[in-house]
């Protein structure tokens, strides 16, 4: 197997970046819970993503999810039916 120095250096730098980045993401959580681990960070991210995708598919607006007064359907790619009714629950992408 041929391994070049540049490829090894890039892989090592990427690995160290990921460790530093995940530590920076976990820091706010560790203020509340000192035992917060990387598994907790992964679980939090996945849960947030799945909940976000589910609420979009169910037709819950971003404003109702607590995204502020400028939240809405314009920035998630879902168009309303045009009659002032709720957005289409299963939009074509």
Protein backbone atom coordinates (compact mmCIF):
# COMPACT_ATOMS: atom_id res chain seq x y z
CA UNK A 1 0.00 0.00 0.00
CA UNK A 2 1.41 3.36 -1.03
CA UNK A 3 0.89 6.12 1.50
CA UNK A 4 2.04 9.61 0.67
CA UNK A 5 3.11 12.12 3.27
CA UNK A 6 0.59 14.73 2.12
CA UNK A 7 -2.36 12.34 2.49
CA UNK A 8 -1.28 11.36 6.01
CA UNK A 9 -0.79 15.00 7.00
CA UNK A 10 -4.22 15.96 5.66
CA UNK A 11 -5.89 13.07 7.51
CA UNK A 12 -4.15 13.95 10.78
CA UNK A 13 -5.07 17.64 10.46
CA UNK A 14 -8.70 16.78 9.70
CA UNK A 15 -8.82 14.48 12.71
CA UNK A 16 -7.42 17.14 15.04
CA UNK A 17 -9.83 19.73 13.62
CA UNK A 18 -12.80 17.45 14.30
CA UNK A 19 -11.67 16.91 17.90
CA UNK A 20 -11.24 20.65 18.50
CA UNK A 21 -14.53 21.53 16.80
CA UNK A 22 -16.55 18.98 18.76
CA UNK A 23 -14.96 20.18 22.00
CA UNK A 24 -15.98 23.76 21.15
CA UNK A 25 -19.55 22.61 20.40
CA UNK A 26 -19.78 20.71 23.69
CA UNK A 27 -18.46 23.57 25.85
CA UNK A 28 -21.81 25.39 26.38
CA UNK A 29 -23.45 22.11 27.41
CA UNK A 30 -20.65 21.33 29.86
CA UNK A 31 -21.35 24.53 31.76
CA UNK A 32 -24.72 23.06 32.77
CA UNK A 33 -23.61 19.43 32.97
CA UNK A 34 -19.90 18.72 33.53
CA UNK A 35 -20.40 15.07 32.55
CA UNK A 36 -21.61 15.96 29.04
CA UNK A 37 -19.86 13.59 26.60
CA UNK A 38 -19.33 13.37 22.85
CA UNK A 39 -22.07 10.72 22.71
CA UNK A 40 -24.41 13.26 24.30
CA UNK A 41 -23.39 15.80 21.64
CA UNK A 42 -24.12 13.31 18.85
CA UNK A 43 -27.48 12.42 20.39
CA UNK A 44 -28.42 16.07 20.80
CA UNK A 45 -27.55 16.83 17.18
CA UNK A 46 -29.45 13.85 15.80
CA UNK A 47 -32.49 14.56 17.97
CA UNK A 48 -32.55 18.20 16.92
CA UNK A 49 -32.23 17.26 13.24
CA UNK A 50 -34.95 14.58 13.36
CA UNK A 51 -37.32 16.87 15.29
CA UNK A 52 -36.70 19.69 12.82
CA UNK A 53 -37.35 17.45 9.80
CA UNK A 54 -40.46 16.01 11.42
CA UNK A 55 -41.97 19.40 12.22
CA UNK A 56 -41.33 20.57 8.65
CA UNK A 57 -43.06 17.49 7.22
CA UNK A 58 -45.98 17.90 9.63
CA UNK A 59 -46.49 21.50 8.60
CA UNK A 60 -45.52 23.24 11.82
CA UNK A 61 -44.18 26.70 11.02
CA UNK A 62 -40.84 27.89 12.30
CA UNK A 63 -42.54 30.67 14.24
CA UNK A 64 -44.53 28.11 16.23
CA UNK A 65 -41.32 26.18 16.87
CA UNK A 66 -39.78 29.25 18.51
CA UNK A 67 -37.66 30.57 15.66
CA UNK A 68 -38.69 34.19 16.18
CA UNK A 69 -40.88 36.61 14.32
CA UNK A 70 -39.10 36.22 10.99
CA UNK A 71 -39.48 32.44 10.89
CA UNK A 72 -41.73 31.00 8.26
CA UNK A 73 -41.93 28.79 5.26
CA UNK A 74 -39.93 30.97 2.88
CA UNK A 75 -36.57 29.77 4.09
CA UNK A 76 -37.32 26.05 4.19
CA UNK A 77 -38.44 25.67 0.57
CA UNK A 78 -42.11 24.89 1.23
CA UNK A 79 -44.72 26.83 -0.72
CA UNK A 80 -48.26 27.49 0.46
CA UNK A 81 -51.23 26.46 -1.64
CA UNK A 82 -51.86 30.06 -2.64
CA UNK A 83 -55.33 30.28 -1.07
CA UNK A 84 -54.15 31.50 2.30
CA UNK A 85 -54.42 27.99 3.73
CA UNK A 86 -51.73 25.95 5.36
CA UNK A 87 -48.73 24.87 3.34
CA UNK A 88 -48.75 21.60 1.49
CA UNK A 89 -47.65 18.91 3.94
CA UNK A 90 -45.72 16.89 1.40
CA UNK A 91 -44.12 19.36 -1.02
CA UNK A 92 -42.29 18.25 -4.10
CA UNK A 93 -38.60 18.89 -3.76
